[in-house]
Amino acid sequence: MLLLAMDTATPAVTVALHDGEAVVASTSQVDARRHGELLLPAVDRVLKEAGRTLDAVTGIVVGVGPGPYTGLRVGLVTAAAFSSALGVPVHGLCTLDGLAYASGFDEPFAVATDARRKEVYWARYEDSRTRVTDAAVDRPAEIAERLAGLPVVGAGARLYPEAFPDARDPEHQSAAGLAALAAEKLAAGGEGFLDPLPMYLRRPDAQVPKNYKVVTPK
């Protein structure tokens, strides 16, 4: 087994390789505006670090969000392209689940990532492997009471400390955690993966204008 994992649903452009036993190489760079520019060089780096070639990959793991439209689709389209070229499957995972798994918590907690517009993407967990709510998007003040007393993992907690006073690491998504979670699921029979389709919880920021100004002669 050699899994190539990637996630671009958050500001972190992150890639990792997992051989079924452990992560053999990983890289992450936080830059909310350069997902398309940074992802393929990151894939090259992890392959070189691990001394592997792309044709050795047996499966692709990709974070499906939730996340902003533009960044999220970079990882999903790249995962689909690699899958088609290599003839290997794509395993989708919720981005929040990757952060939860990386936290290692064995007690109730939540994950919150930055959704922009003064909102967060979030979900509650029983432990690092068990999500107990669907992923959602809300203003921090609207969910502060529901998450009161819980540690909150992710950049969303650090952005809104008044709503989430117990912020915990990891702050940013890591494909290493996503890859390890996928390897664990595959070893257990391959259940629990999502279709590699974008998890959008709201409409994109860019909107088609409703009224066009006429600029041509009648």
Protein backbone atom coordinates (compact mmCIF):
# COMPACT_ATOMS: atom_id res chain seq x y z
CA MET A 1 0.00 0.00 0.00
CA LEU A 2 1.13 3.51 -0.78
CA LEU A 3 -1.46 6.22 -0.21
CA LEU A 4 -1.05 9.75 -1.57
CA ALA A 5 -3.13 12.08 0.61
CA MET A 6 -3.92 15.73 -0.03
CA ASP A 7 -6.22 18.43 1.31
CA THR A 8 -6.84 21.98 0.07
CA ALA A 9 -10.11 22.68 1.90
CA THR A 10 -8.42 25.05 4.36
CA PRO A 11 -5.56 27.57 4.01
CA ALA A 12 -3.15 24.65 4.48
CA VAL A 13 -1.96 23.05 1.25
CA THR A 14 -0.95 19.68 2.62
CA VAL A 15 0.27 16.40 1.10
CA ALA A 16 1.50 13.13 2.61
CA LEU A 17 2.49 9.57 1.70
CA HIS A 18 1.50 6.60 3.88
CA ASP A 19 2.76 3.05 3.27
CA GLY A 20 0.08 1.32 5.31
CA GLU A 21 2.21 1.30 8.44
CA ALA A 22 3.28 4.90 8.87
CA VAL A 23 3.58 8.28 7.18
CA VAL A 24 6.77 8.18 5.11
CA ALA A 25 6.76 11.83 3.97
CA SER A 26 4.62 14.92 4.42
CA THR A 27 4.59 18.62 3.72
CA SER A 28 2.26 21.51 4.53
CA GLN A 29 2.23 25.19 3.65
CA VAL A 30 -0.37 27.65 4.90
CA ASP A 31 -1.37 30.04 2.12
CA ALA A 32 -5.04 30.68 1.45
CA ARG A 33 -4.52 32.11 -2.04
CA ARG A 34 -2.05 29.74 -3.72
CA HIS A 35 -3.58 26.26 -3.57
CA GLY A 36 -3.29 25.70 -7.32
CA GLU A 37 0.29 26.91 -7.40
CA LEU A 38 1.52 24.94 -4.40
CA LEU A 39 -0.17 21.55 -4.60
CA LEU A 40 1.73 19.78 -7.39
CA PRO A 41 5.17 20.91 -6.17
CA ALA A 42 4.16 19.55 -2.75
CA VAL A 43 3.36 16.18 -4.34
CA ASP A 44 6.78 16.18 -5.98
CA ARG A 45 8.47 16.95 -2.65
CA VAL A 46 6.89 14.09 -0.72
CA LEU A 47 7.64 11.61 -3.49
CA LYS A 48 11.29 12.68 -3.60
CA GLU A 49 11.57 12.65 0.20
CA ALA A 50 10.19 9.12 0.33
CA GLY A 51 12.25 7.93 -2.64
CA ARG A 52 9.09 6.80 -4.46
CA THR A 53 7.62 7.44 -7.87
CA LEU A 54 4.06 8.39 -8.67
CA ASP A 55 3.33 5.07 -10.36
CA ALA A 56 3.95 3.30 -7.03
CA VAL A 57 0.86 4.95 -5.51
CA THR A 58 -2.00 2.48 -4.89
CA GLY A 59 -4.67 4.92 -3.72
CA ILE A 60 -5.48 8.60 -3.40
CA VAL A 61 -6.92 10.15 -0.23
CA VAL A 62 -8.50 13.60 -0.45
CA GLY A 63 -10.20 15.95 1.97
CA VAL A 64 -13.66 16.77 0.62
CA GLY A 65 -14.27 19.75 2.89
CA PRO A 66 -16.20 21.59 4.06
CA GLY A 67 -14.24 24.47 2.62
CA PRO A 68 -14.37 27.50 0.33
CA TYR A 69 -15.19 26.73 -3.30
CA THR A 70 -11.97 27.75 -5.02
CA GLY A 71 -9.44 26.12 -2.73
CA LEU A 72 -11.42 22.94 -2.16
CA ARG A 73 -11.83 22.09 -5.83
CA VAL A 74 -8.04 22.26 -6.43
CA GLY A 75 -7.41 19.17 -4.30
CA LEU A 76 -10.46 17.29 -5.58
CA VAL A 77 -9.69 17.88 -9.25
CA THR A 78 -6.04 16.92 -8.71
CA ALA A 79 -7.05 13.74 -6.87
CA ALA A 80 -9.42 12.82 -9.71
CA ALA A 81 -6.70 13.44 -12.31
CA PHE A 82 -4.20 11.23 -10.48
CA SER A 83 -6.84 8.53 -10.03
CA SER A 84 -7.62 8.51 -13.74
CA ALA A 85 -3.97 8.55 -14.82
CA LEU A 86 -2.85 5.83 -12.39
CA GLY A 87 -5.99 3.69 -12.41
CA VAL A 88 -6.26 3.76 -8.62
CA PRO A 89 -9.22 4.57 -6.33
CA VAL A 90 -9.90 7.89 -4.63
CA HIS A 91 -10.96 7.79 -0.96
CA GLY A 92 -12.78 10.91 0.26
CA LEU A 93 -12.73 11.99 3.89
CA CYS A 94 -14.26 14.93 5.71
CA THR A 95 -11.56 17.53 6.30
CA LEU A 96 -12.78 18.05 9.87
CA ASP A 97 -12.32 14.32 10.52
CA GLY A 98 -8.65 14.61 9.57
CA LEU A 99 -8.12 17.36 12.13
CA ALA A 100 -10.05 15.37 14.72
CA TYR A 101 -7.97 12.25 14.12
CA ALA A 102 -4.72 14.20 14.36
CA SER A 103 -5.79 15.62 17.74
CA GLY A 104 -5.67 12.19 19.38
CA PHE A 105 -8.43 13.12 21.83
CA ASP A 106 -10.19 10.26 23.62
CA GLU A 107 -12.83 12.55 25.15
CA PRO A 108 -15.56 14.82 23.71
CA PHE A 109 -14.36 17.87 21.77
CA ALA A 110 -15.11 19.88 18.65
CA VAL A 111 -13.31 20.96 15.50
CA ALA A 112 -13.72 24.44 13.98
CA THR A 113 -12.05 25.78 10.84
CA ASP A 114 -12.24 29.24 9.30
CA ALA A 115 -15.21 29.58 6.94
CA ARG A 116 -14.63 33.31 6.32
CA ARG A 117 -17.58 35.74 6.50
CA LYS A 118 -17.08 35.62 10.31
CA GLU A 119 -18.23 31.99 10.35
CA VAL A 120 -16.68 28.60 11.09
CA TYR A 121 -17.09 25.11 9.71
CA TRP A 122 -17.49 22.82 12.70
CA ALA A 123 -18.54 19.45 14.09
CA ARG A 124 -18.63 17.70 17.47
CA TYR A 125 -16.75 14.49 18.24
CA GLU A 126 -17.02 11.82 20.92
CA ASP A 127 -13.33 11.02 20.40
CA SER A 128 -10.75 11.43 17.65
CA ARG A 129 -12.40 8.77 15.46
CA THR A 130 -16.09 9.39 16.17
CA ARG A 131 -17.99 12.38 14.79
CA VAL A 132 -21.41 12.81 16.42
CA THR A 133 -22.82 15.72 14.35
CA ASP A 134 -22.84 16.55 10.67
CA ALA A 135 -20.41 19.20 9.52
CA ALA A 136 -22.07 22.62 9.66
CA VAL A 137 -21.34 26.31 9.12
CA ASP A 138 -22.36 28.93 11.69
CA ARG A 139 -21.29 32.13 13.40
CA PRO A 140 -19.18 31.37 16.48
CA ALA A 141 -21.55 33.18 18.86
CA GLU A 142 -24.43 31.01 17.64
CA ILE A 143 -22.73 27.76 18.68
CA ALA A 144 -20.66 28.90 21.67
CA GLU A 145 -23.25 27.66 24.16
CA ARG A 146 -23.55 24.28 22.44
CA LEU A 147 -19.78 23.79 22.65
CA ALA A 148 -19.30 25.32 26.10
CA GLY A 149 -16.77 23.43 28.17
CA LEU A 150 -15.36 21.50 25.22
CA PRO A 151 -11.85 21.79 23.82
CA VAL A 152 -12.01 23.05 20.22
CA VAL A 153 -9.37 22.04 17.68
CA GLY A 154 -8.52 24.10 14.62
CA ALA A 155 -7.92 27.62 13.35
CA GLY A 156 -11.54 28.60 13.99
CA ALA A 157 -11.02 28.30 17.71
CA ARG A 158 -8.01 30.61 17.62
CA LEU A 159 -9.79 33.18 15.47
CA TYR A 160 -12.72 33.48 17.91
CA PRO A 161 -11.38 32.97 21.45
CA GLU A 162 -14.40 34.70 22.98
CA ALA A 163 -16.60 31.87 21.69
CA PHE A 164 -14.04 29.06 22.00
CA PRO A 165 -11.80 29.79 25.00
CA ASP A 166 -10.22 26.31 25.10
CA ALA A 167 -8.42 26.24 21.73
CA ARG A 168 -6.26 23.20 21.07
CA ASP A 169 -3.78 21.92 18.49
CA PRO A 170 -3.60 21.05 15.69
CA GLU A 171 -4.44 24.47 14.34
CA HIS A 172 -4.17 23.50 10.67
CA GLN A 173 -5.08 20.46 8.63
CA SER A 174 -2.34 17.93 7.91
CA ALA A 175 -2.52 15.32 5.17
CA ALA A 176 -0.44 13.10 7.45
CA GLY A 177 -3.42 12.74 9.79
CA LEU A 178 -5.79 12.27 6.86
CA ALA A 179 -3.57 9.55 5.39
CA ALA A 180 -3.25 7.73 8.72
CA LEU A 181 -7.03 7.79 9.18
CA ALA A 182 -7.54 6.42 5.68
CA ALA A 183 -4.97 3.65 6.22
CA GLU A 184 -6.75 2.66 9.41
CA LYS A 185 -10.12 2.52 7.63
CA LEU A 186 -8.70 0.47 4.76
CA ALA A 187 -7.13 -2.00 7.18
CA ALA A 188 -10.53 -2.38 8.84
CA GLY A 189 -12.28 -3.19 5.57
CA GLY A 190 -12.55 0.12 3.76
CA GLU A 191 -15.80 1.39 5.26
CA GLY A 192 -16.60 5.01 6.04
CA PHE A 193 -15.16 6.80 3.02
CA LEU A 194 -17.03 9.57 1.20
CA ASP A 195 -17.42 10.11 -2.51
CA PRO A 196 -14.67 12.47 -3.71
CA LEU A 197 -17.11 15.32 -4.24
CA PRO A 198 -16.94 18.80 -2.70
CA MET A 199 -18.76 19.31 0.59
CA TYR A 200 -20.16 22.81 0.12
CA LEU A 201 -22.27 24.08 3.02
CA ARG A 202 -23.18 27.41 1.43
CA ARG A 203 -23.17 29.18 -1.91
CA PRO A 204 -19.83 30.44 -3.33
CA ASP A 205 -18.64 33.97 -2.58
CA ALA A 206 -18.60 34.84 -6.29
CA GLN A 207 -22.10 35.41 -7.64
CA VAL A 208 -23.39 36.05 -11.15
CA PRO A 209 -24.84 39.59 -11.29
CA LYS A 210 -28.63 39.60 -11.38
CA ASN A 211 -28.96 42.67 -13.57
CA TYR A 212 -26.64 43.30 -16.49
CA LYS A 213 -25.97 46.79 -17.75
CA VAL A 214 -26.70 47.08 -21.46
CA VAL A 215 -23.61 48.37 -23.27
CA THR A 216 -24.49 47.50 -26.86
CA PRO A 217 -26.56 49.72 -29.21
CA LYS A 218 -30.24 48.92 -29.48
